[in-house]
Structure formats: structure tokens, C-alpha cells
Amino acid sequence: MALVENDSYGQLSGIAEEDETFFHESHKGDRKLQNPRKRGARSQRKSRNTKTEKKASVPLIPVMVACDRNHHVIDAVLKKVSTEELQSQLEGQILAGSTLCFDAHLAHEHLAEKLSLTAKTLVSSSGERVKEGIYHIQTVNAYHSELKRWINGFFKGVATKYLQRYLGWKRYLKTHTFSIEGFLDQISIHWAYQHIT
């Protein structure tokens, strides 16, 4: 999976879409953070009075996804949703002269300007789904749904520290027709590059 984690499959072009989705922070498989019961000790049952209990909030991890209508995908796990972080992830990844569609969010306000792209902002909170008949963020939101079904459904969640690898794996499967030969080619290119550097 590490082979495809940071692979780039070309710049986005034409009409591109960008939006964020969120995953619950997970330490799946990390035994150090689990608090196992001592042998012979009784398990503590949860109180039936749930109204008085405060549920511990699990931090949300933002994931940025950008794609174009030719199925090129760029994604990244973010520390926070900010113009600066989005700019650093998208800088040089979208072909000049392209149009970037996104929803009305403070972090998106000056993003297209900083990337020298045409902006098309959709106010989804007001029910605006499509602008001028062709500009929308439905493609990227469909990818979000597919990604969440894959990670939360098929894998039953993944550890946050490995989330970027799973994004890369999904991106690879989305943009390539999988074959053993193609995957072996990726491995050989990776190892050749490692040897040179």
C-alpha cells in the first residue's frame, strides 16, 4: 500500500471539484492505547441512565479530495481545514486555466485566487446544487461516499496513522484498471526509484 500512497496520476484539468469529508480518529490495532481488563476482573457495565452520562467526543480527521471530470483524483489527510493547508496540497496539482468548484466555506474563500484558477462557489446550505448548468461538486461528493463505504464498510474503519495509505490505495483502484502485471510494474518502478535515491 505504501507504493501508491503518494503516487501522482497527473494534474487535474478542465472542471475540477474540491471538498472535505471527515473520519473519526481511530487507533485501531494499537494495543498501547487499549486498556485491557485484568484476568478475573469484572467488566464494568454501562449505566442505564444515559441522560446523565456524557459521551466522549471522538476527534474528526479532515480529508481533502479534489477530482476532475476525467476521474483524476488528489487527496490528503489534513491537520485542519484552512486556506493555507488546502493551497499547499493543491499547489501545482491543477492545470492553469481550469475551473475549481467548491462549497461556500471560509477556507475556500480565497483558495482559487491563490491557485490562479476560476472559482465557482455553490451555496449548498441554500439548496444550490448546480451553477450555470455544469458546475457542481456532485462528483467529489460521490467519491466521498464511495470512499467512506470502502473504509468504514469493507475495512470496518482504519487506524488514522494509516489513513493516507488507504486513500492512495483507493485512488489507485479508481484511476487504474487493476492487473497483476500493472501492480508488478508499480513495484519495480518504486524499487528502482528507491535504489537511485
N, C-alpha and C. Protein backbone atom coordinates (compact mmCIF):
# COMPACT_ATOMS: atom_id res chain seq x y z
N MET A 1 0.81 -1.20 0.00
CA MET A 1 0.00 0.00 0.00
C MET A 1 0.86 1.26 0.00
N ALA A 2 2.02 1.18 0.64
CA ALA A 2 2.90 2.35 0.68
C ALA A 2 3.37 2.74 -0.71
N LEU A 3 3.33 1.80 -1.65
CA LEU A 3 3.77 2.08 -3.03
C LEU A 3 2.91 3.14 -3.69
N VAL A 4 1.62 3.12 -3.41
CA VAL A 4 0.70 4.03 -4.09
C VAL A 4 0.28 5.21 -3.23
N GLU A 5 0.78 5.28 -2.00
CA GLU A 5 0.34 6.31 -1.05
C GLU A 5 0.51 7.72 -1.61
N ASN A 6 1.67 8.01 -2.19
CA ASN A 6 1.94 9.36 -2.66
C ASN A 6 2.09 9.44 -4.18
N ASP A 7 1.67 8.39 -4.88
CA ASP A 7 1.77 8.42 -6.34
C ASP A 7 0.86 9.50 -6.91
N SER A 8 1.35 10.17 -7.94
CA SER A 8 0.56 11.20 -8.60
C SER A 8 0.13 10.68 -9.96
N TYR A 9 -1.11 10.92 -10.33
CA TYR A 9 -1.62 10.41 -11.60
C TYR A 9 -1.97 11.56 -12.54
N GLY A 10 -1.18 12.62 -12.50
CA GLY A 10 -1.39 13.73 -13.41
C GLY A 10 -2.20 14.85 -12.78
N GLN A 11 -2.12 16.01 -13.41
CA GLN A 11 -2.82 17.18 -12.89
C GLN A 11 -4.31 17.11 -13.19
N LEU A 12 -5.08 17.76 -12.36
CA LEU A 12 -6.49 17.93 -12.65
C LEU A 12 -6.62 19.01 -13.72
N SER A 13 -7.65 18.91 -14.53
CA SER A 13 -7.82 19.91 -15.59
C SER A 13 -9.30 20.09 -15.90
N GLY A 14 -9.60 21.15 -16.66
CA GLY A 14 -10.99 21.42 -17.04
C GLY A 14 -11.79 21.88 -15.84
N ILE A 15 -12.89 21.20 -15.57
CA ILE A 15 -13.71 21.50 -14.40
C ILE A 15 -13.27 20.56 -13.27
N ALA A 16 -12.73 21.15 -12.20
CA ALA A 16 -12.29 20.37 -11.05
C ALA A 16 -13.21 20.69 -9.87
N GLU A 17 -13.31 19.75 -8.96
CA GLU A 17 -14.14 19.92 -7.77
C GLU A 17 -13.30 19.61 -6.54
N GLU A 18 -13.56 20.35 -5.45
CA GLU A 18 -12.84 20.11 -4.20
C GLU A 18 -13.81 20.21 -3.04
N ASP A 19 -13.66 19.27 -2.10
CA ASP A 19 -14.47 19.31 -0.88
C ASP A 19 -13.79 18.44 0.17
N GLU A 20 -14.19 18.63 1.41
CA GLU A 20 -13.62 17.85 2.50
C GLU A 20 -14.67 16.88 3.04
N THR A 21 -14.17 15.77 3.56
CA THR A 21 -15.00 14.84 4.30
C THR A 21 -14.26 14.53 5.60
N PHE A 22 -14.92 13.85 6.53
CA PHE A 22 -14.31 13.63 7.85
C PHE A 22 -14.42 12.18 8.28
N PHE A 23 -13.37 11.70 8.92
CA PHE A 23 -13.34 10.37 9.50
C PHE A 23 -13.08 10.50 11.00
N HIS A 24 -13.68 9.61 11.79
CA HIS A 24 -13.40 9.60 13.22
C HIS A 24 -11.96 9.15 13.46
N GLU A 25 -11.30 9.83 14.39
CA GLU A 25 -9.94 9.42 14.75
C GLU A 25 -10.00 7.98 15.25
N SER A 26 -9.02 7.16 14.81
CA SER A 26 -9.03 5.75 15.20
C SER A 26 -7.62 5.29 15.55
N HIS A 27 -7.54 4.51 16.59
CA HIS A 27 -6.26 3.88 16.99
C HIS A 27 -6.39 2.37 16.84
N LYS A 28 -7.15 1.95 15.85
CA LYS A 28 -7.40 0.54 15.60
C LYS A 28 -6.10 -0.25 15.56
N GLY A 29 -6.05 -1.32 16.33
CA GLY A 29 -4.88 -2.19 16.32
C GLY A 29 -3.75 -1.75 17.23
N ASP A 30 -3.86 -0.56 17.83
CA ASP A 30 -2.79 -0.06 18.70
C ASP A 30 -3.03 -0.55 20.13
N ARG A 31 -2.34 -1.60 20.52
CA ARG A 31 -2.55 -2.22 21.83
C ARG A 31 -2.12 -1.31 22.98
N LYS A 32 -1.20 -0.38 22.70
CA LYS A 32 -0.72 0.51 23.76
C LYS A 32 -1.83 1.42 24.27
N LEU A 33 -2.77 1.75 23.39
CA LEU A 33 -3.83 2.69 23.77
C LEU A 33 -5.08 1.99 24.28
N GLN A 34 -5.08 0.68 24.24
CA GLN A 34 -6.23 -0.06 24.75
C GLN A 34 -6.01 -0.37 26.21
N ASN A 35 -7.06 -0.45 26.96
CA ASN A 35 -6.97 -0.71 28.39
C ASN A 35 -7.62 -2.06 28.69
N PRO A 36 -6.88 -3.17 28.46
CA PRO A 36 -7.50 -4.48 28.63
C PRO A 36 -7.81 -4.77 30.09
N ARG A 37 -8.84 -5.58 30.30
CA ARG A 37 -9.26 -5.99 31.62
C ARG A 37 -8.27 -7.00 32.18
N LYS A 38 -7.98 -6.92 33.48
CA LYS A 38 -7.11 -7.92 34.11
C LYS A 38 -7.89 -9.22 34.26
N ARG A 39 -7.18 -10.32 34.16
CA ARG A 39 -7.81 -11.62 34.27
C ARG A 39 -8.55 -11.73 35.61
N GLY A 40 -9.80 -12.22 35.53
CA GLY A 40 -10.59 -12.39 36.75
C GLY A 40 -11.37 -11.16 37.16
N ALA A 41 -11.04 -10.01 36.60
CA ALA A 41 -11.75 -8.77 36.97
C ALA A 41 -13.09 -8.70 36.26
N ARG A 42 -14.07 -8.13 36.92
CA ARG A 42 -15.39 -7.99 36.30
C ARG A 42 -15.40 -6.80 35.35
N SER A 43 -16.15 -6.96 34.29
CA SER A 43 -16.28 -5.83 33.36
C SER A 43 -17.26 -4.83 33.95
N GLN A 44 -17.03 -3.55 33.68
CA GLN A 44 -17.93 -2.51 34.18
C GLN A 44 -19.05 -2.32 33.17
N ARG A 45 -20.27 -2.47 33.65
CA ARG A 45 -21.40 -2.27 32.76
C ARG A 45 -21.73 -0.79 32.69
N LYS A 46 -22.21 -0.40 31.52
CA LYS A 46 -22.59 1.00 31.36
C LYS A 46 -23.87 1.27 32.13
N SER A 47 -23.96 2.45 32.67
CA SER A 47 -25.16 2.86 33.40
C SER A 47 -26.34 2.91 32.45
N ARG A 48 -27.48 2.51 32.94
CA ARG A 48 -28.69 2.56 32.11
C ARG A 48 -29.21 3.98 31.98
N ASN A 49 -28.77 4.85 32.87
CA ASN A 49 -29.23 6.24 32.83
C ASN A 49 -28.31 7.03 31.90
N THR A 50 -28.58 6.92 30.59
CA THR A 50 -27.71 7.56 29.59
C THR A 50 -27.86 9.07 29.57
N LYS A 51 -28.94 9.61 30.14
CA LYS A 51 -29.14 11.06 30.13
C LYS A 51 -28.07 11.77 30.95
N THR A 52 -27.62 11.13 32.02
CA THR A 52 -26.64 11.78 32.89
C THR A 52 -25.21 11.53 32.43
N GLU A 53 -25.03 10.58 31.52
CA GLU A 53 -23.68 10.29 31.04
C GLU A 53 -23.31 11.23 29.90
N LYS A 54 -22.07 11.62 29.90
CA LYS A 54 -21.57 12.43 28.80
C LYS A 54 -20.76 11.53 27.88
N LYS A 55 -21.13 11.52 26.62
CA LYS A 55 -20.39 10.70 25.66
C LYS A 55 -19.08 11.41 25.31
N ALA A 56 -18.01 10.63 25.32
CA ALA A 56 -16.72 11.20 24.95
C ALA A 56 -16.73 11.48 23.46
N SER A 57 -16.39 12.70 23.09
CA SER A 57 -16.39 13.04 21.67
C SER A 57 -15.08 12.57 21.03
N VAL A 58 -15.23 11.93 19.89
CA VAL A 58 -14.08 11.42 19.15
C VAL A 58 -13.67 12.49 18.13
N PRO A 59 -12.40 12.88 18.12
CA PRO A 59 -11.96 13.90 17.16
C PRO A 59 -12.21 13.47 15.71
N LEU A 60 -12.53 14.44 14.88
CA LEU A 60 -12.74 14.17 13.46
C LEU A 60 -11.49 14.56 12.67
N ILE A 61 -11.11 13.70 11.75
CA ILE A 61 -9.92 13.92 10.91
C ILE A 61 -10.39 14.38 9.54
N PRO A 62 -10.01 15.61 9.11
CA PRO A 62 -10.44 16.08 7.79
C PRO A 62 -9.62 15.46 6.66
N VAL A 63 -10.33 15.10 5.60
CA VAL A 63 -9.69 14.56 4.39
C VAL A 63 -10.14 15.41 3.22
N MET A 64 -9.18 15.98 2.50
CA MET A 64 -9.47 16.78 1.31
C MET A 64 -9.43 15.88 0.08
N VAL A 65 -10.45 16.01 -0.77
CA VAL A 65 -10.45 15.29 -2.05
C VAL A 65 -10.74 16.31 -3.14
N ALA A 66 -9.95 16.26 -4.20
CA ALA A 66 -10.20 17.07 -5.39
C ALA A 66 -10.18 16.12 -6.59
N CYS A 67 -11.07 16.35 -7.53
CA CYS A 67 -11.10 15.49 -8.71
C CYS A 67 -11.60 16.30 -9.90
N ASP A 68 -11.39 15.77 -11.09
CA ASP A 68 -11.93 16.41 -12.28
C ASP A 68 -12.90 15.44 -12.96
N ARG A 69 -13.42 15.84 -14.09
CA ARG A 69 -14.43 15.02 -14.76
C ARG A 69 -13.79 13.87 -15.55
N ASN A 70 -12.45 13.83 -15.56
CA ASN A 70 -11.73 12.73 -16.22
C ASN A 70 -11.25 11.68 -15.22
N HIS A 71 -11.81 11.72 -14.01
CA HIS A 71 -11.53 10.75 -12.95
C HIS A 71 -10.13 10.83 -12.38
N HIS A 72 -9.44 11.98 -12.54
CA HIS A 72 -8.17 12.18 -11.84
C HIS A 72 -8.52 12.60 -10.41
N VAL A 73 -7.78 12.08 -9.46
CA VAL A 73 -8.08 12.34 -8.04
C VAL A 73 -6.82 12.76 -7.29
N ILE A 74 -6.97 13.78 -6.43
CA ILE A 74 -5.92 14.20 -5.49
C ILE A 74 -6.57 14.17 -4.11
N ASP A 75 -5.87 13.63 -3.13
CA ASP A 75 -6.44 13.59 -1.79
C ASP A 75 -5.35 13.77 -0.75
N ALA A 76 -5.75 14.12 0.44
CA ALA A 76 -4.77 14.31 1.53
C ALA A 76 -5.49 14.34 2.86
N VAL A 77 -4.82 13.78 3.88
CA VAL A 77 -5.29 13.92 5.25
C VAL A 77 -4.79 15.27 5.73
N LEU A 78 -5.69 16.09 6.25
CA LEU A 78 -5.33 17.44 6.70
C LEU A 78 -5.22 17.50 8.22
N LYS A 79 -4.42 18.45 8.70
CA LYS A 79 -4.39 18.71 10.15
C LYS A 79 -5.62 19.52 10.52
N LYS A 80 -5.98 20.46 9.65
CA LYS A 80 -7.21 21.25 9.82
C LYS A 80 -7.60 21.81 8.47
N VAL A 81 -8.86 22.21 8.35
CA VAL A 81 -9.34 22.77 7.09
C VAL A 81 -9.04 24.26 7.10
N SER A 82 -8.01 24.65 6.35
CA SER A 82 -7.64 26.06 6.25
C SER A 82 -7.20 26.35 4.82
N THR A 83 -7.28 27.62 4.43
CA THR A 83 -6.87 28.02 3.09
C THR A 83 -5.42 27.63 2.83
N GLU A 84 -4.56 27.87 3.83
CA GLU A 84 -3.13 27.60 3.67
C GLU A 84 -2.86 26.12 3.45
N GLU A 85 -3.53 25.27 4.22
CA GLU A 85 -3.27 23.83 4.07
C GLU A 85 -3.84 23.30 2.76
N LEU A 86 -5.02 23.77 2.38
CA LEU A 86 -5.59 23.36 1.10
C LEU A 86 -4.71 23.82 -0.05
N GLN A 87 -4.21 25.05 0.04
CA GLN A 87 -3.32 25.58 -1.01
C GLN A 87 -2.06 24.73 -1.13
N SER A 88 -1.48 24.35 0.01
CA SER A 88 -0.24 23.55 -0.03
C SER A 88 -0.48 22.18 -0.67
N GLN A 89 -1.68 21.62 -0.50
CA GLN A 89 -1.98 20.31 -1.08
C GLN A 89 -2.32 20.40 -2.57
N LEU A 90 -2.88 21.54 -3.00
CA LEU A 90 -3.35 21.67 -4.38
C LEU A 90 -2.41 22.44 -5.29
N GLU A 91 -1.43 23.12 -4.70
CA GLU A 91 -0.47 23.92 -5.49
C GLU A 91 0.20 23.06 -6.55
N GLY A 92 0.07 23.48 -7.82
CA GLY A 92 0.70 22.76 -8.93
C GLY A 92 -0.01 21.48 -9.34
N GLN A 93 -1.13 21.16 -8.68
CA GLN A 93 -1.85 19.92 -8.97
C GLN A 93 -3.02 20.12 -9.94
N ILE A 94 -3.38 21.39 -10.19
CA ILE A 94 -4.50 21.69 -11.09
C ILE A 94 -3.97 22.56 -12.22
N LEU A 95 -4.22 22.14 -13.44
CA LEU A 95 -3.72 22.83 -14.63
C LEU A 95 -4.24 24.26 -14.69
N ALA A 96 -3.35 25.20 -15.04
CA ALA A 96 -3.74 26.61 -15.17
C ALA A 96 -4.89 26.74 -16.17
N GLY A 97 -5.80 27.64 -15.89
CA GLY A 97 -6.95 27.85 -16.77
C GLY A 97 -8.15 26.97 -16.41
N SER A 98 -7.98 26.09 -15.44
CA SER A 98 -9.08 25.22 -15.01
C SER A 98 -10.05 25.99 -14.11
N THR A 99 -11.21 25.42 -13.92
CA THR A 99 -12.23 25.99 -13.03
C THR A 99 -12.35 25.09 -11.81
N LEU A 100 -12.33 25.67 -10.62
CA LEU A 100 -12.43 24.91 -9.38
C LEU A 100 -13.79 25.19 -8.73
N CYS A 101 -14.57 24.12 -8.53
CA CYS A 101 -15.88 24.22 -7.89
C CYS A 101 -15.76 23.77 -6.44
N PHE A 102 -16.37 24.50 -5.53
CA PHE A 102 -16.39 24.11 -4.13
C PHE A 102 -17.58 24.76 -3.44
N ASP A 103 -17.84 24.33 -2.21
CA ASP A 103 -18.95 24.93 -1.49
C ASP A 103 -18.49 26.19 -0.76
N ALA A 104 -19.47 26.96 -0.28
CA ALA A 104 -19.17 28.21 0.40
C ALA A 104 -18.66 27.90 1.81
N HIS A 105 -17.37 28.00 1.98
CA HIS A 105 -16.70 27.73 3.26
C HIS A 105 -15.60 28.76 3.40
N LEU A 106 -15.36 29.24 4.60
CA LEU A 106 -14.37 30.28 4.84
C LEU A 106 -12.99 29.90 4.27
N ALA A 107 -12.61 28.62 4.41
CA ALA A 107 -11.30 28.18 3.91
C ALA A 107 -11.22 28.21 2.38
N HIS A 108 -12.38 28.20 1.71
CA HIS A 108 -12.41 28.18 0.24
C HIS A 108 -12.45 29.59 -0.36
N GLU A 109 -12.71 30.58 0.49
CA GLU A 109 -12.99 31.94 0.02
C GLU A 109 -11.94 32.48 -0.96
N HIS A 110 -10.66 32.34 -0.63
CA HIS A 110 -9.60 32.89 -1.50
C HIS A 110 -8.74 31.80 -2.13
N LEU A 111 -9.19 30.54 -2.02
CA LEU A 111 -8.39 29.41 -2.49
C LEU A 111 -8.13 29.46 -4.00
N ALA A 112 -9.16 29.63 -4.79
CA ALA A 112 -9.00 29.65 -6.26
C ALA A 112 -8.11 30.82 -6.69
N GLU A 113 -8.26 31.94 -6.02
CA GLU A 113 -7.44 33.12 -6.32
C GLU A 113 -5.96 32.82 -6.06
N LYS A 114 -5.67 32.18 -4.93
CA LYS A 114 -4.29 31.85 -4.59
C LYS A 114 -3.70 30.82 -5.54
N LEU A 115 -4.57 29.97 -6.13
CA LEU A 115 -4.11 28.94 -7.06
C LEU A 115 -4.20 29.41 -8.51
N SER A 116 -4.62 30.66 -8.72
CA SER A 116 -4.80 31.26 -10.05
C SER A 116 -5.77 30.46 -10.91
N LEU A 117 -6.92 30.13 -10.32
CA LEU A 117 -7.95 29.37 -11.01
C LEU A 117 -9.26 30.15 -10.98
N THR A 118 -10.16 29.83 -11.89
CA THR A 118 -11.51 30.40 -11.87
C THR A 118 -12.31 29.67 -10.80
N ALA A 119 -13.03 30.41 -9.97
CA ALA A 119 -13.80 29.81 -8.88
C ALA A 119 -15.28 29.77 -9.22
N LYS A 120 -15.91 28.67 -8.84
CA LYS A 120 -17.37 28.54 -8.91
C LYS A 120 -17.82 28.05 -7.53
N THR A 121 -18.40 28.96 -6.76
CA THR A 121 -18.82 28.64 -5.39
C THR A 121 -20.30 28.30 -5.36
N LEU A 122 -20.61 27.16 -4.72
CA LEU A 122 -22.01 26.74 -4.57
C LEU A 122 -22.44 26.88 -3.12
N VAL A 123 -23.57 27.51 -2.91
CA VAL A 123 -24.09 27.68 -1.55
C VAL A 123 -25.05 26.53 -1.28
N SER A 124 -24.49 25.39 -0.89
CA SER A 124 -25.30 24.19 -0.70
C SER A 124 -26.29 24.33 0.46
N SER A 125 -25.95 25.18 1.45
CA SER A 125 -26.87 25.40 2.58
C SER A 125 -28.17 26.07 2.12
N SER A 126 -28.11 26.75 0.97
CA SER A 126 -29.32 27.37 0.40
C SER A 126 -29.96 26.49 -0.66
N GLY A 127 -29.46 25.27 -0.79
CA GLY A 127 -30.04 24.34 -1.76
C GLY A 127 -29.46 24.46 -3.16
N GLU A 128 -28.39 25.25 -3.32
CA GLU A 128 -27.78 25.40 -4.65
C GLU A 128 -26.92 24.16 -4.94
N ARG A 129 -27.33 23.38 -5.92
CA ARG A 129 -26.63 22.14 -6.26
C ARG A 129 -25.80 22.27 -7.54
N VAL A 130 -26.32 23.05 -8.50
CA VAL A 130 -25.65 23.21 -9.80
C VAL A 130 -25.67 24.68 -10.17
N LYS A 131 -24.56 25.15 -10.72
CA LYS A 131 -24.46 26.54 -11.16
C LYS A 131 -24.20 26.54 -12.67
N GLU A 132 -24.97 27.36 -13.37
CA GLU A 132 -24.82 27.53 -14.82
C GLU A 132 -24.93 26.20 -15.58
N GLY A 133 -25.63 25.26 -15.00
CA GLY A 133 -25.90 24.01 -15.70
C GLY A 133 -24.79 22.97 -15.68
N ILE A 134 -23.54 23.37 -15.37
CA ILE A 134 -22.43 22.41 -15.44
C ILE A 134 -21.53 22.39 -14.21
N TYR A 135 -21.59 23.41 -13.39
CA TYR A 135 -20.67 23.49 -12.25
C TYR A 135 -21.35 22.94 -10.99
N HIS A 136 -20.74 21.94 -10.39
CA HIS A 136 -21.28 21.31 -9.19
C HIS A 136 -20.14 20.59 -8.46
N ILE A 137 -20.47 20.05 -7.28
CA ILE A 137 -19.48 19.25 -6.53
C ILE A 137 -20.02 17.84 -6.28
N GLN A 138 -20.90 17.40 -7.16
CA GLN A 138 -21.52 16.09 -7.02
C GLN A 138 -20.53 14.95 -7.28
N THR A 139 -19.57 15.17 -8.17
CA THR A 139 -18.59 14.12 -8.47
C THR A 139 -17.70 13.85 -7.26
N VAL A 140 -17.21 14.92 -6.63
CA VAL A 140 -16.34 14.74 -5.47
C VAL A 140 -17.13 14.20 -4.28
N ASN A 141 -18.39 14.61 -4.12
CA ASN A 141 -19.20 14.09 -3.02
C ASN A 141 -19.55 12.62 -3.22
N ALA A 142 -19.73 12.21 -4.48
CA ALA A 142 -19.95 10.79 -4.78
C ALA A 142 -18.70 9.98 -4.43
N TYR A 143 -17.53 10.57 -4.70
CA TYR A 143 -16.27 9.90 -4.35
C TYR A 143 -16.15 9.76 -2.83
N HIS A 144 -16.55 10.80 -2.09
CA HIS A 144 -16.55 10.74 -0.62
C HIS A 144 -17.39 9.56 -0.13
N SER A 145 -18.58 9.42 -0.69
CA SER A 145 -19.48 8.33 -0.28
C SER A 145 -18.87 6.98 -0.56
N GLU A 146 -18.28 6.85 -1.74
CA GLU A 146 -17.63 5.59 -2.14
C GLU A 146 -16.45 5.29 -1.21
N LEU A 147 -15.67 6.31 -0.90
CA LEU A 147 -14.50 6.17 -0.02
C LEU A 147 -14.93 5.73 1.38
N LYS A 148 -15.98 6.35 1.91
CA LYS A 148 -16.45 6.00 3.25
C LYS A 148 -17.03 4.59 3.31
N ARG A 149 -17.77 4.21 2.26
CA ARG A 149 -18.29 2.83 2.22
C ARG A 149 -17.14 1.83 2.21
N TRP A 150 -16.08 2.16 1.48
CA TRP A 150 -14.93 1.27 1.35
C TRP A 150 -14.17 1.15 2.67
N ILE A 151 -13.87 2.30 3.30
CA ILE A 151 -13.08 2.29 4.53
C ILE A 151 -13.91 1.85 5.74
N ASN A 152 -15.10 2.43 5.90
CA ASN A 152 -15.91 2.10 7.09
C ASN A 152 -16.70 0.81 6.94
N GLY A 153 -17.05 0.46 5.69
CA GLY A 153 -17.81 -0.75 5.46
C GLY A 153 -16.94 -1.97 5.26
N PHE A 154 -16.11 -1.93 4.24
CA PHE A 154 -15.29 -3.09 3.89
C PHE A 154 -14.23 -3.38 4.95
N PHE A 155 -13.52 -2.32 5.41
CA PHE A 155 -12.44 -2.50 6.38
C PHE A 155 -12.88 -2.31 7.83
N LYS A 156 -14.14 -1.89 8.04
CA LYS A 156 -14.65 -1.60 9.39
C LYS A 156 -13.79 -0.54 10.08
N GLY A 157 -13.35 0.44 9.30
CA GLY A 157 -12.51 1.52 9.82
C GLY A 157 -11.04 1.17 9.75
N VAL A 158 -10.21 2.21 9.66
CA VAL A 158 -8.75 2.01 9.63
C VAL A 158 -8.10 2.95 10.63
N ALA A 159 -6.91 2.60 11.08
CA ALA A 159 -6.17 3.46 12.00
C ALA A 159 -5.84 4.77 11.30
N THR A 160 -6.01 5.87 12.01
CA THR A 160 -5.75 7.20 11.43
C THR A 160 -4.33 7.31 10.88
N LYS A 161 -3.37 6.69 11.56
CA LYS A 161 -1.97 6.80 11.10
C LYS A 161 -1.76 6.15 9.73
N TYR A 162 -2.68 5.26 9.33
CA TYR A 162 -2.58 4.61 8.01
C TYR A 162 -3.59 5.15 7.00
N LEU A 163 -4.36 6.15 7.39
CA LEU A 163 -5.43 6.65 6.53
C LEU A 163 -4.93 7.11 5.16
N GLN A 164 -3.79 7.82 5.14
CA GLN A 164 -3.25 8.30 3.86
C GLN A 164 -2.93 7.15 2.91
N ARG A 165 -2.47 6.03 3.46
CA ARG A 165 -2.17 4.85 2.62
C ARG A 165 -3.44 4.30 1.99
N TYR A 166 -4.52 4.25 2.77
CA TYR A 166 -5.77 3.74 2.24
C TYR A 166 -6.35 4.70 1.19
N LEU A 167 -6.14 6.00 1.38
CA LEU A 167 -6.56 6.97 0.36
C LEU A 167 -5.81 6.70 -0.94
N GLY A 168 -4.50 6.46 -0.83
CA GLY A 168 -3.69 6.17 -2.01
C GLY A 168 -4.13 4.89 -2.70
N TRP A 169 -4.45 3.88 -1.92
CA TRP A 169 -4.90 2.61 -2.47
C TRP A 169 -6.21 2.79 -3.23
N LYS A 170 -7.16 3.52 -2.61
CA LYS A 170 -8.45 3.77 -3.26
C LYS A 170 -8.26 4.59 -4.53
N ARG A 171 -7.40 5.59 -4.47
CA ARG A 171 -7.12 6.43 -5.64
C ARG A 171 -6.55 5.59 -6.78
N TYR A 172 -5.64 4.67 -6.43
CA TYR A 172 -5.03 3.80 -7.43
C TYR A 172 -6.10 2.92 -8.08
N LEU A 173 -6.96 2.32 -7.27
CA LEU A 173 -8.01 1.45 -7.81
C LEU A 173 -9.01 2.23 -8.66
N LYS A 174 -9.23 3.50 -8.31
CA LYS A 174 -10.18 4.33 -9.05
C LYS A 174 -9.61 4.76 -10.40
N THR A 175 -8.32 5.02 -10.45
CA THR A 175 -7.72 5.59 -11.66
C THR A 175 -7.01 4.56 -12.54
N HIS A 176 -6.88 3.32 -12.06
CA HIS A 176 -6.21 2.28 -12.84
C HIS A 176 -7.09 1.03 -12.93
N THR A 177 -6.97 0.34 -14.03
CA THR A 177 -7.58 -0.98 -14.12
C THR A 177 -6.58 -1.93 -13.49
N PHE A 178 -6.98 -2.58 -12.41
CA PHE A 178 -6.04 -3.41 -11.67
C PHE A 178 -5.68 -4.66 -12.46
N SER A 179 -4.39 -4.93 -12.52
CA SER A 179 -3.87 -6.19 -13.08
C SER A 179 -2.60 -6.53 -12.34
N ILE A 180 -2.28 -7.80 -12.27
CA ILE A 180 -1.05 -8.24 -11.60
C ILE A 180 0.16 -7.61 -12.28
N GLU A 181 0.15 -7.58 -13.62
CA GLU A 181 1.28 -7.01 -14.38
C GLU A 181 1.47 -5.53 -14.05
N GLY A 182 0.36 -4.80 -14.02
CA GLY A 182 0.44 -3.37 -13.73
C GLY A 182 0.94 -3.12 -12.32
N PHE A 183 0.47 -3.95 -11.37
CA PHE A 183 0.91 -3.78 -9.98
C PHE A 183 2.39 -4.11 -9.84
N LEU A 184 2.86 -5.16 -10.54
CA LEU A 184 4.29 -5.51 -10.51
C LEU A 184 5.14 -4.41 -11.15
N ASP A 185 4.60 -3.77 -12.18
CA ASP A 185 5.29 -2.62 -12.79
C ASP A 185 5.47 -1.50 -11.76
N GLN A 186 4.38 -1.23 -10.99
CA GLN A 186 4.46 -0.20 -9.95
C GLN A 186 5.54 -0.54 -8.92
N ILE A 187 5.60 -1.82 -8.53
CA ILE A 187 6.60 -2.26 -7.55
C ILE A 187 8.01 -2.06 -8.10
N SER A 188 8.22 -2.46 -9.36
CA SER A 188 9.56 -2.35 -9.95
C SER A 188 9.99 -0.89 -10.10
N ILE A 189 9.03 0.00 -10.47
CA ILE A 189 9.35 1.43 -10.58
C ILE A 189 9.71 1.99 -9.21
N HIS A 190 8.93 1.60 -8.20
CA HIS A 190 9.18 2.06 -6.83
C HIS A 190 10.57 1.65 -6.36
N TRP A 191 10.92 0.38 -6.54
CA TRP A 191 12.21 -0.10 -6.06
C TRP A 191 13.36 0.49 -6.86
N ALA A 192 13.16 0.70 -8.17
CA ALA A 192 14.20 1.33 -8.98
C ALA A 192 14.46 2.75 -8.50
N TYR A 193 13.36 3.48 -8.19
CA TYR A 193 13.47 4.85 -7.70
C TYR A 193 14.18 4.87 -6.34
N GLN A 194 13.83 3.93 -5.45
CA GLN A 194 14.46 3.86 -4.13
C GLN A 194 15.96 3.60 -4.26
N HIS A 195 16.32 2.75 -5.22
CA HIS A 195 17.72 2.42 -5.41
C HIS A 195 18.53 3.62 -5.90
N ILE A 196 17.90 4.42 -6.80
CA ILE A 196 18.58 5.61 -7.36
C ILE A 196 18.77 6.67 -6.28
N THR A 197 17.73 6.87 -5.46
CA THR A 197 17.81 7.93 -4.43
C THR A 197 18.52 7.42 -3.21
